[in-house]
Amino acid sequence: APPFDPRGGMKSPDLAMPLSRRAVGGLGV
């Protein structure tokens, strides 16, 4: 597949933020 390093841009999720305000994606990685 096209080159992709899963670590790129990975950051700890802000668990205090309500789900409705969180960006979609990244939590699984």
mmCIF file of all heavy atoms, coordinates in Angstrom:
data_MODEL
# 
_entry.id   MODEL 
# 
loop_
_atom_site.group_PDB 
_atom_site.id 
_atom_site.type_symbol 
_atom_site.label_atom_id 
_atom_site.label_alt_id 
_atom_site.label_comp_id 
_atom_site.label_asym_id 
_atom_site.label_entity_id 
_atom_site.label_seq_id 
_atom_site.pdbx_PDB_ins_code 
_atom_site.Cartn_x 
_atom_site.Cartn_y 
_atom_site.Cartn_z 
_atom_site.occupancy 
_atom_site.B_iso_or_equiv 
_atom_site.pdbx_formal_charge 
_atom_site.auth_seq_id 
_atom_site.auth_comp_id 
_atom_site.auth_asym_id 
_atom_site.auth_atom_id 
_atom_site.pdbx_PDB_model_num 
ATOM 1   N N   . ALA A 1 1  ? 0.861   -1.189 0.000  1.00 0.00 ? 1  ALA A N   1 
ATOM 2   C CA  . ALA A 1 1  ? 0.000   0.000  0.000  1.00 0.00 ? 1  ALA A CA  1 
ATOM 3   C C   . ALA A 1 1  ? 0.898   1.241  0.000  1.00 0.00 ? 1  ALA A C   1 
ATOM 4   O O   . ALA A 1 1  ? 2.111   1.135  0.230  1.00 0.00 ? 1  ALA A O   1 
ATOM 5   C CB  . ALA A 1 1  ? -0.902  -0.017 1.228  1.00 0.00 ? 1  ALA A CB  1 
ATOM 6   N N   . PRO A 1 2  ? 0.340   2.421  -0.239 1.00 0.00 ? 2  PRO A N   1 
ATOM 7   C CA  . PRO A 1 2  ? 1.172   3.626  -0.179 1.00 0.00 ? 2  PRO A CA  1 
ATOM 8   C C   . PRO A 1 2  ? 1.913   3.714  1.159  1.00 0.00 ? 2  PRO A C   1 
ATOM 9   O O   . PRO A 1 2  ? 1.383   3.304  2.200  1.00 0.00 ? 2  PRO A O   1 
ATOM 10  C CB  . PRO A 1 2  ? 0.157   4.760  -0.334 1.00 0.00 ? 2  PRO A CB  1 
ATOM 11  C CG  . PRO A 1 2  ? -0.960  4.149  -1.118 1.00 0.00 ? 2  PRO A CG  1 
ATOM 12  C CD  . PRO A 1 2  ? -1.035  2.717  -0.626 1.00 0.00 ? 2  PRO A CD  1 
ATOM 13  N N   . PRO A 1 3  ? 3.144   4.223  1.146  1.00 0.00 ? 3  PRO A N   1 
ATOM 14  C CA  . PRO A 1 3  ? 3.927   4.310  2.383  1.00 0.00 ? 3  PRO A CA  1 
ATOM 15  C C   . PRO A 1 3  ? 3.167   5.028  3.495  1.00 0.00 ? 3  PRO A C   1 
ATOM 16  O O   . PRO A 1 3  ? 2.574   6.080  3.272  1.00 0.00 ? 3  PRO A O   1 
ATOM 17  C CB  . PRO A 1 3  ? 5.167   5.111  1.971  1.00 0.00 ? 3  PRO A CB  1 
ATOM 18  C CG  . PRO A 1 3  ? 5.298   4.861  0.507  1.00 0.00 ? 3  PRO A CG  1 
ATOM 19  C CD  . PRO A 1 3  ? 3.882   4.749  -0.010 1.00 0.00 ? 3  PRO A CD  1 
ATOM 20  N N   . PHE A 1 4  ? 3.204   4.408  4.688  1.00 0.00 ? 4  PHE A N   1 
ATOM 21  C CA  . PHE A 1 4  ? 2.539   5.006  5.847  1.00 0.00 ? 4  PHE A CA  1 
ATOM 22  C C   . PHE A 1 4  ? 3.165   4.468  7.120  1.00 0.00 ? 4  PHE A C   1 
ATOM 23  O O   . PHE A 1 4  ? 3.130   3.266  7.379  1.00 0.00 ? 4  PHE A O   1 
ATOM 24  C CB  . PHE A 1 4  ? 1.040   4.700  5.844  1.00 0.00 ? 4  PHE A CB  1 
ATOM 25  C CG  . PHE A 1 4  ? 0.337   5.247  7.056  1.00 0.00 ? 4  PHE A CG  1 
ATOM 26  C CD1 . PHE A 1 4  ? 0.138   6.614  7.192  1.00 0.00 ? 4  PHE A CD1 1 
ATOM 27  C CD2 . PHE A 1 4  ? -0.100  4.404  8.059  1.00 0.00 ? 4  PHE A CD2 1 
ATOM 28  C CE1 . PHE A 1 4  ? -0.493  7.130  8.320  1.00 0.00 ? 4  PHE A CE1 1 
ATOM 29  C CE2 . PHE A 1 4  ? -0.732  4.904  9.189  1.00 0.00 ? 4  PHE A CE2 1 
ATOM 30  C CZ  . PHE A 1 4  ? -0.927  6.269  9.312  1.00 0.00 ? 4  PHE A CZ  1 
ATOM 31  N N   . ASP A 1 5  ? 3.725   5.371  7.924  1.00 0.00 ? 5  ASP A N   1 
ATOM 32  C CA  . ASP A 1 5  ? 4.257   5.025  9.238  1.00 0.00 ? 5  ASP A CA  1 
ATOM 33  C C   . ASP A 1 5  ? 3.167   5.334  10.260 1.00 0.00 ? 5  ASP A C   1 
ATOM 34  O O   . ASP A 1 5  ? 2.835   6.500  10.473 1.00 0.00 ? 5  ASP A O   1 
ATOM 35  C CB  . ASP A 1 5  ? 5.512   5.848  9.540  1.00 0.00 ? 5  ASP A CB  1 
ATOM 36  C CG  . ASP A 1 5  ? 6.156   5.490  10.863 1.00 0.00 ? 5  ASP A CG  1 
ATOM 37  O OD1 . ASP A 1 5  ? 5.510   4.825  11.709 1.00 0.00 ? 5  ASP A OD1 1 
ATOM 38  O OD2 . ASP A 1 5  ? 7.312   5.895  11.068 1.00 0.00 ? 5  ASP A OD2 1 
ATOM 39  N N   . PRO A 1 6  ? 2.574   4.319  10.888 1.00 0.00 ? 6  PRO A N   1 
ATOM 40  C CA  . PRO A 1 6  ? 1.480   4.546  11.831 1.00 0.00 ? 6  PRO A CA  1 
ATOM 41  C C   . PRO A 1 6  ? 1.839   5.469  12.999 1.00 0.00 ? 6  PRO A C   1 
ATOM 42  O O   . PRO A 1 6  ? 0.954   6.050  13.623 1.00 0.00 ? 6  PRO A O   1 
ATOM 43  C CB  . PRO A 1 6  ? 1.135   3.147  12.344 1.00 0.00 ? 6  PRO A CB  1 
ATOM 44  C CG  . PRO A 1 6  ? 1.645   2.227  11.308 1.00 0.00 ? 6  PRO A CG  1 
ATOM 45  C CD  . PRO A 1 6  ? 2.861   2.901  10.726 1.00 0.00 ? 6  PRO A CD  1 
ATOM 46  N N   . ARG A 1 7  ? 3.128   5.623  13.293 1.00 0.00 ? 7  ARG A N   1 
ATOM 47  C CA  . ARG A 1 7  ? 3.530   6.478  14.413 1.00 0.00 ? 7  ARG A CA  1 
ATOM 48  C C   . ARG A 1 7  ? 3.423   7.962  14.071 1.00 0.00 ? 7  ARG A C   1 
ATOM 49  O O   . ARG A 1 7  ? 3.412   8.801  14.958 1.00 0.00 ? 7  ARG A O   1 
ATOM 50  C CB  . ARG A 1 7  ? 4.966   6.186  14.825 1.00 0.00 ? 7  ARG A CB  1 
ATOM 51  C CG  . ARG A 1 7  ? 5.172   4.763  15.299 1.00 0.00 ? 7  ARG A CG  1 
ATOM 52  C CD  . ARG A 1 7  ? 6.622   4.460  15.446 1.00 0.00 ? 7  ARG A CD  1 
ATOM 53  N NE  . ARG A 1 7  ? 7.282   4.597  14.134 1.00 0.00 ? 7  ARG A NE  1 
ATOM 54  C CZ  . ARG A 1 7  ? 8.500   4.208  13.871 1.00 0.00 ? 7  ARG A CZ  1 
ATOM 55  N NH1 . ARG A 1 7  ? 9.226   3.662  14.804 1.00 0.00 ? 7  ARG A NH1 1 
ATOM 56  N NH2 . ARG A 1 7  ? 9.012   4.351  12.661 1.00 0.00 ? 7  ARG A NH2 1 
ATOM 57  N N   . GLY A 1 8  ? 3.373   8.285  12.796 1.00 0.00 ? 8  GLY A N   1 
ATOM 58  C CA  . GLY A 1 8  ? 3.344   9.684  12.372 1.00 0.00 ? 8  GLY A CA  1 
ATOM 59  C C   . GLY A 1 8  ? 2.122   10.399 12.921 1.00 0.00 ? 8  GLY A C   1 
ATOM 60  O O   . GLY A 1 8  ? 0.991   10.008 12.660 1.00 0.00 ? 8  GLY A O   1 
ATOM 61  N N   . GLY A 1 9  ? 2.359   11.426 13.684 1.00 0.00 ? 9  GLY A N   1 
ATOM 62  C CA  . GLY A 1 9  ? 1.265   12.225 14.232 1.00 0.00 ? 9  GLY A CA  1 
ATOM 63  C C   . GLY A 1 9  ? 0.512   11.567 15.363 1.00 0.00 ? 9  GLY A C   1 
ATOM 64  O O   . GLY A 1 9  ? -0.486  12.107 15.838 1.00 0.00 ? 9  GLY A O   1 
ATOM 65  N N   . MET A 1 10 ? 0.960   10.388 15.817 1.00 0.00 ? 10 MET A N   1 
ATOM 66  C CA  . MET A 1 10 ? 0.261   9.724  16.912 1.00 0.00 ? 10 MET A CA  1 
ATOM 67  C C   . MET A 1 10 ? 0.452   10.511 18.202 1.00 0.00 ? 10 MET A C   1 
ATOM 68  O O   . MET A 1 10 ? 1.560   10.899 18.544 1.00 0.00 ? 10 MET A O   1 
ATOM 69  C CB  . MET A 1 10 ? 0.781   8.308  17.109 1.00 0.00 ? 10 MET A CB  1 
ATOM 70  C CG  . MET A 1 10 ? -0.046  7.527  18.111 1.00 0.00 ? 10 MET A CG  1 
ATOM 71  S SD  . MET A 1 10 ? 0.575   5.859  18.369 1.00 0.00 ? 10 MET A SD  1 
ATOM 72  C CE  . MET A 1 10 ? 1.737   6.148  19.689 1.00 0.00 ? 10 MET A CE  1 
ATOM 73  N N   . LYS A 1 11 ? -0.649  10.783 18.868 1.00 0.00 ? 11 LYS A N   1 
ATOM 74  C CA  . LYS A 1 11 ? -0.566  11.446 20.167 1.00 0.00 ? 11 LYS A CA  1 
ATOM 75  C C   . LYS A 1 11 ? -1.588  10.835 21.104 1.00 0.00 ? 11 LYS A C   1 
ATOM 76  O O   . LYS A 1 11 ? -2.572  10.241 20.665 1.00 0.00 ? 11 LYS A O   1 
ATOM 77  C CB  . LYS A 1 11 ? -0.786  12.948 20.014 1.00 0.00 ? 11 LYS A CB  1 
ATOM 78  C CG  . LYS A 1 11 ? -2.087  13.329 19.374 1.00 0.00 ? 11 LYS A CG  1 
ATOM 79  C CD  . LYS A 1 11 ? -2.181  14.825 19.195 1.00 0.00 ? 11 LYS A CD  1 
ATOM 80  C CE  . LYS A 1 11 ? -3.484  15.152 18.481 1.00 0.00 ? 11 LYS A CE  1 
ATOM 81  N NZ  . LYS A 1 11 ? -3.649  16.534 18.216 1.00 0.00 ? 11 LYS A NZ  1 
ATOM 82  N N   . SER A 1 12 ? -1.340  10.987 22.380 1.00 0.00 ? 12 SER A N   1 
ATOM 83  C CA  . SER A 1 12 ? -2.265  10.452 23.371 1.00 0.00 ? 12 SER A CA  1 
ATOM 84  C C   . SER A 1 12 ? -3.612  11.145 23.238 1.00 0.00 ? 12 SER A C   1 
ATOM 85  O O   . SER A 1 12 ? -3.668  12.369 23.101 1.00 0.00 ? 12 SER A O   1 
ATOM 86  C CB  . SER A 1 12 ? -1.726  10.681 24.785 1.00 0.00 ? 12 SER A CB  1 
ATOM 87  O OG  . SER A 1 12 ? -0.504  10.019 24.939 1.00 0.00 ? 12 SER A OG  1 
ATOM 88  N N   . PRO A 1 13 ? -4.709  10.374 23.279 1.00 0.00 ? 13 PRO A N   1 
ATOM 89  C CA  . PRO A 1 13 ? -6.027  11.001 23.183 1.00 0.00 ? 13 PRO A CA  1 
ATOM 90  C C   . PRO A 1 13 ? -6.347  11.779 24.458 1.00 0.00 ? 13 PRO A C   1 
ATOM 91  O O   . PRO A 1 13 ? -5.888  11.418 25.545 1.00 0.00 ? 13 PRO A O   1 
ATOM 92  C CB  . PRO A 1 13 ? -6.967  9.817  23.011 1.00 0.00 ? 13 PRO A CB  1 
ATOM 93  C CG  . PRO A 1 13 ? -6.246  8.658  23.616 1.00 0.00 ? 13 PRO A CG  1 
ATOM 94  C CD  . PRO A 1 13 ? -4.772  8.937  23.410 1.00 0.00 ? 13 PRO A CD  1 
ATOM 95  N N   . ASP A 1 14 ? -7.098  12.839 24.305 1.00 0.00 ? 14 ASP A N   1 
ATOM 96  C CA  . ASP A 1 14 ? -7.566  13.619 25.453 1.00 0.00 ? 14 ASP A CA  1 
ATOM 97  C C   . ASP A 1 14 ? -8.841  12.961 25.950 1.00 0.00 ? 14 ASP A C   1 
ATOM 98  O O   . ASP A 1 14 ? -9.936  13.227 25.447 1.00 0.00 ? 14 ASP A O   1 
ATOM 99  C CB  . ASP A 1 14 ? -7.823  15.068 25.042 1.00 0.00 ? 14 ASP A CB  1 
ATOM 100 C CG  . ASP A 1 14 ? -8.297  15.936 26.197 1.00 0.00 ? 14 ASP A CG  1 
ATOM 101 O OD1 . ASP A 1 14 ? -8.487  15.400 27.329 1.00 0.00 ? 14 ASP A OD1 1 
ATOM 102 O OD2 . ASP A 1 14 ? -8.487  17.142 25.982 1.00 0.00 ? 14 ASP A OD2 1 
ATOM 103 N N   . LEU A 1 15 ? -8.704  12.071 26.923 1.00 0.00 ? 15 LEU A N   1 
ATOM 104 C CA  . LEU A 1 15 ? -9.842  11.303 27.416 1.00 0.00 ? 15 LEU A CA  1 
ATOM 105 C C   . LEU A 1 15 ? -10.838 12.151 28.191 1.00 0.00 ? 15 LEU A C   1 
ATOM 106 O O   . LEU A 1 15 ? -11.978 11.736 28.396 1.00 0.00 ? 15 LEU A O   1 
ATOM 107 C CB  . LEU A 1 15 ? -9.350  10.127 28.257 1.00 0.00 ? 15 LEU A CB  1 
ATOM 108 C CG  . LEU A 1 15 ? -8.462  9.128  27.510 1.00 0.00 ? 15 LEU A CG  1 
ATOM 109 C CD1 . LEU A 1 15 ? -7.988  8.034  28.449 1.00 0.00 ? 15 LEU A CD1 1 
ATOM 110 C CD2 . LEU A 1 15 ? -9.173  8.544  26.301 1.00 0.00 ? 15 LEU A CD2 1 
ATOM 111 N N   . ALA A 1 16 ? -10.436 13.337 28.603 1.00 0.00 ? 16 ALA A N   1 
ATOM 112 C CA  . ALA A 1 16 ? -11.348 14.232 29.309 1.00 0.00 ? 16 ALA A CA  1 
ATOM 113 C C   . ALA A 1 16 ? -12.296 14.940 28.344 1.00 0.00 ? 16 ALA A C   1 
ATOM 114 O O   . ALA A 1 16 ? -13.355 15.412 28.748 1.00 0.00 ? 16 ALA A O   1 
ATOM 115 C CB  . ALA A 1 16 ? -10.563 15.259 30.116 1.00 0.00 ? 16 ALA A CB  1 
ATOM 116 N N   . MET A 1 17 ? -11.919 15.009 27.073 1.00 0.00 ? 17 MET A N   1 
ATOM 117 C CA  . MET A 1 17 ? -12.751 15.684 26.080 1.00 0.00 ? 17 MET A CA  1 
ATOM 118 C C   . MET A 1 17 ? -13.954 14.803 25.738 1.00 0.00 ? 17 MET A C   1 
ATOM 119 O O   . MET A 1 17 ? -13.794 13.594 25.526 1.00 0.00 ? 17 MET A O   1 
ATOM 120 C CB  . MET A 1 17 ? -11.941 15.969 24.812 1.00 0.00 ? 17 MET A CB  1 
ATOM 121 C CG  . MET A 1 17 ? -12.734 16.728 23.755 1.00 0.00 ? 17 MET A CG  1 
ATOM 122 S SD  . MET A 1 17 ? -11.780 17.008 22.256 1.00 0.00 ? 17 MET A SD  1 
ATOM 123 C CE  . MET A 1 17 ? -10.531 18.129 22.875 1.00 0.00 ? 17 MET A CE  1 
ATOM 124 N N   . PRO A 1 18 ? -15.140 15.391 25.660 1.00 0.00 ? 18 PRO A N   1 
ATOM 125 C CA  . PRO A 1 18 ? -16.324 14.598 25.292 1.00 0.00 ? 18 PRO A CA  1 
ATOM 126 C C   . PRO A 1 18 ? -16.138 13.974 23.901 1.00 0.00 ? 18 PRO A C   1 
ATOM 127 O O   . PRO A 1 18 ? -15.513 14.560 23.019 1.00 0.00 ? 18 PRO A O   1 
ATOM 128 C CB  . PRO A 1 18 ? -17.455 15.626 25.258 1.00 0.00 ? 18 PRO A CB  1 
ATOM 129 C CG  . PRO A 1 18 ? -16.961 16.791 26.049 1.00 0.00 ? 18 PRO A CG  1 
ATOM 130 C CD  . PRO A 1 18 ? -15.466 16.784 25.934 1.00 0.00 ? 18 PRO A CD  1 
ATOM 131 N N   . LEU A 1 19 ? -16.688 12.779 23.727 1.00 0.00 ? 19 LEU A N   1 
ATOM 132 C CA  . LEU A 1 19 ? -16.563 12.078 22.455 1.00 0.00 ? 19 LEU A CA  1 
ATOM 133 C C   . LEU A 1 19 ? -17.041 12.927 21.283 1.00 0.00 ? 19 LEU A C   1 
ATOM 134 O O   . LEU A 1 19 ? -16.456 12.886 20.206 1.00 0.00 ? 19 LEU A O   1 
ATOM 135 C CB  . LEU A 1 19 ? -17.356 10.773 22.486 1.00 0.00 ? 19 LEU A CB  1 
ATOM 136 C CG  . LEU A 1 19 ? -16.757 9.630  23.292 1.00 0.00 ? 19 LEU A CG  1 
ATOM 137 C CD1 . LEU A 1 19 ? -17.721 8.443  23.341 1.00 0.00 ? 19 LEU A CD1 1 
ATOM 138 C CD2 . LEU A 1 19 ? -15.432 9.200  22.705 1.00 0.00 ? 19 LEU A CD2 1 
ATOM 139 N N   . SER A 1 20 ? -18.085 13.691 21.486 1.00 0.00 ? 20 SER A N   1 
ATOM 140 C CA  . SER A 1 20 ? -18.638 14.501 20.397 1.00 0.00 ? 20 SER A CA  1 
ATOM 141 C C   . SER A 1 20 ? -17.671 15.571 19.911 1.00 0.00 ? 20 SER A C   1 
ATOM 142 O O   . SER A 1 20 ? -17.813 16.078 18.809 1.00 0.00 ? 20 SER A O   1 
ATOM 143 C CB  . SER A 1 20 ? -19.954 15.150 20.841 1.00 0.00 ? 20 SER A CB  1 
ATOM 144 O OG  . SER A 1 20 ? -19.713 16.024 21.942 1.00 0.00 ? 20 SER A OG  1 
ATOM 145 N N   . ARG A 1 21 ? -16.660 15.911 20.712 1.00 0.00 ? 21 ARG A N   1 
ATOM 146 C CA  . ARG A 1 21 ? -15.700 16.945 20.325 1.00 0.00 ? 21 ARG A CA  1 
ATOM 147 C C   . ARG A 1 21 ? -14.360 16.384 19.864 1.00 0.00 ? 21 ARG A C   1 
ATOM 148 O O   . ARG A 1 21 ? -13.497 17.137 19.420 1.00 0.00 ? 21 ARG A O   1 
ATOM 149 C CB  . ARG A 1 21 ? -15.485 17.906 21.497 1.00 0.00 ? 21 ARG A CB  1 
ATOM 150 C CG  . ARG A 1 21 ? -16.772 18.699 21.822 1.00 0.00 ? 21 ARG A CG  1 
ATOM 151 C CD  . ARG A 1 21 ? -16.580 19.764 22.872 1.00 0.00 ? 21 ARG A CD  1 
ATOM 152 N NE  . ARG A 1 21 ? -15.447 20.621 22.550 1.00 0.00 ? 21 ARG A NE  1 
ATOM 153 C CZ  . ARG A 1 21 ? -14.639 21.155 23.470 1.00 0.00 ? 21 ARG A CZ  1 
ATOM 154 N NH1 . ARG A 1 21 ? -14.847 20.915 24.745 1.00 0.00 ? 21 ARG A NH1 1 
ATOM 155 N NH2 . ARG A 1 21 ? -13.635 21.923 23.123 1.00 0.00 ? 21 ARG A NH2 1 
ATOM 156 N N   . ARG A 1 22 ? -14.174 15.085 19.982 1.00 0.00 ? 22 ARG A N   1 
ATOM 157 C CA  . ARG A 1 22 ? -12.915 14.474 19.568 1.00 0.00 ? 22 ARG A CA  1 
ATOM 158 C C   . ARG A 1 22 ? -12.873 14.280 18.064 1.00 0.00 ? 22 ARG A C   1 
ATOM 159 O O   . ARG A 1 22 ? -13.882 14.000 17.429 1.00 0.00 ? 22 ARG A O   1 
ATOM 160 C CB  . ARG A 1 22 ? -12.731 13.110 20.229 1.00 0.00 ? 22 ARG A CB  1 
ATOM 161 C CG  . ARG A 1 22 ? -12.477 13.190 21.695 1.00 0.00 ? 22 ARG A CG  1 
ATOM 162 C CD  . ARG A 1 22 ? -12.108 11.821 22.219 1.00 0.00 ? 22 ARG A CD  1 
ATOM 163 N NE  . ARG A 1 22 ? -12.402 11.766 23.644 1.00 0.00 ? 22 ARG A NE  1 
ATOM 164 C CZ  . ARG A 1 22 ? -12.425 10.661 24.344 1.00 0.00 ? 22 ARG A CZ  1 
ATOM 165 N NH1 . ARG A 1 22 ? -12.182 9.506  23.774 1.00 0.00 ? 22 ARG A NH1 1 
ATOM 166 N NH2 . ARG A 1 22 ? -12.693 10.701 25.625 1.00 0.00 ? 22 ARG A NH2 1 
ATOM 167 N N   . ALA A 1 23 ? -11.694 14.386 17.511 1.00 0.00 ? 23 ALA A N   1 
ATOM 168 C CA  . ALA A 1 23 ? -11.498 14.105 16.087 1.00 0.00 ? 23 ALA A CA  1 
ATOM 169 C C   . ALA A 1 23 ? -11.668 12.603 15.852 1.00 0.00 ? 23 ALA A C   1 
ATOM 170 O O   . ALA A 1 23 ? -11.292 11.781 16.684 1.00 0.00 ? 23 ALA A O   1 
ATOM 171 C CB  . ALA A 1 23 ? -10.112 14.542 15.639 1.00 0.00 ? 23 ALA A CB  1 
ATOM 172 N N   . VAL A 1 24 ? -12.219 12.250 14.705 1.00 0.00 ? 24 VAL A N   1 
ATOM 173 C CA  . VAL A 1 24 ? -12.401 10.852 14.346 1.00 0.00 ? 24 VAL A CA  1 
ATOM 174 C C   . VAL A 1 24 ? -11.057 10.284 13.906 1.00 0.00 ? 24 VAL A C   1 
ATOM 175 O O   . VAL A 1 24 ? -10.305 10.929 13.179 1.00 0.00 ? 24 VAL A O   1 
ATOM 176 C CB  . VAL A 1 24 ? -13.440 10.719 13.214 1.00 0.00 ? 24 VAL A CB  1 
ATOM 177 C CG1 . VAL A 1 24 ? -13.543 9.273  12.747 1.00 0.00 ? 24 VAL A CG1 1 
ATOM 178 C CG2 . VAL A 1 24 ? -14.789 11.228 13.675 1.00 0.00 ? 24 VAL A CG2 1 
ATOM 179 N N   . GLY A 1 25 ? -10.762 9.074  14.360 1.00 0.00 ? 25 GLY A N   1 
ATOM 180 C CA  . GLY A 1 25 ? -9.553  8.377  13.921 1.00 0.00 ? 25 GLY A CA  1 
ATOM 181 C C   . GLY A 1 25 ? -8.391  8.523  14.878 1.00 0.00 ? 25 GLY A C   1 
ATOM 182 O O   . GLY A 1 25 ? -8.328  9.451  15.682 1.00 0.00 ? 25 GLY A O   1 
ATOM 183 N N   . GLY A 1 26 ? -7.500  7.566  14.793 1.00 0.00 ? 26 GLY A N   1 
ATOM 184 C CA  . GLY A 1 26 ? -6.262  7.619  15.564 1.00 0.00 ? 26 GLY A CA  1 
ATOM 185 C C   . GLY A 1 26 ? -6.276  6.872  16.880 1.00 0.00 ? 26 GLY A C   1 
ATOM 186 O O   . GLY A 1 26 ? -5.224  6.472  17.357 1.00 0.00 ? 26 GLY A O   1 
ATOM 187 N N   . LEU A 1 27 ? -7.448  6.677  17.473 1.00 0.00 ? 27 LEU A N   1 
ATOM 188 C CA  . LEU A 1 27 ? -7.493  6.019  18.778 1.00 0.00 ? 27 LEU A CA  1 
ATOM 189 C C   . LEU A 1 27 ? -7.073  4.550  18.665 1.00 0.00 ? 27 LEU A C   1 
ATOM 190 O O   . LEU A 1 27 ? -6.339  4.045  19.504 1.00 0.00 ? 27 LEU A O   1 
ATOM 191 C CB  . LEU A 1 27 ? -8.889  6.130  19.397 1.00 0.00 ? 27 LEU A CB  1 
ATOM 192 C CG  . LEU A 1 27 ? -9.038  5.570  20.810 1.00 0.00 ? 27 LEU A CG  1 
ATOM 193 C CD1 . LEU A 1 27 ? -8.069  6.223  21.777 1.00 0.00 ? 27 LEU A CD1 1 
ATOM 194 C CD2 . LEU A 1 27 ? -10.468 5.718  21.290 1.00 0.00 ? 27 LEU A CD2 1 
ATOM 195 N N   . GLY A 1 28 ? -7.512  3.881  17.612 1.00 0.00 ? 28 GLY A N   1 
ATOM 196 C CA  . GLY A 1 28 ? -7.140  2.477  17.431 1.00 0.00 ? 28 GLY A CA  1 
ATOM 197 C C   . GLY A 1 28 ? -5.646  2.295  17.274 1.00 0.00 ? 28 GLY A C   1 
ATOM 198 O O   . GLY A 1 28 ? -5.055  1.391  17.861 1.00 0.00 ? 28 GLY A O   1 
ATOM 199 N N   . VAL A 1 29 ? -5.027  3.159  16.480 1.00 0.00 ? 29 VAL A N   1 
ATOM 200 C CA  . VAL A 1 29 ? -3.571  3.081  16.297 1.00 0.00 ? 29 VAL A CA  1 
ATOM 201 C C   . VAL A 1 29 ? -2.866  3.350  17.618 1.00 0.00 ? 29 VAL A C   1 
ATOM 202 O O   . VAL A 1 29 ? -1.928  2.643  17.983 1.00 0.00 ? 29 VAL A O   1 
ATOM 203 C CB  . VAL A 1 29 ? -3.095  4.057  15.197 1.00 0.00 ? 29 VAL A CB  1 
ATOM 204 C CG1 . VAL A 1 29 ? -1.576  4.159  15.180 1.00 0.00 ? 29 VAL A CG1 1 
ATOM 205 C CG2 . VAL A 1 29 ? -3.612  3.627  13.844 1.00 0.00 ? 29 VAL A CG2 1 
# 
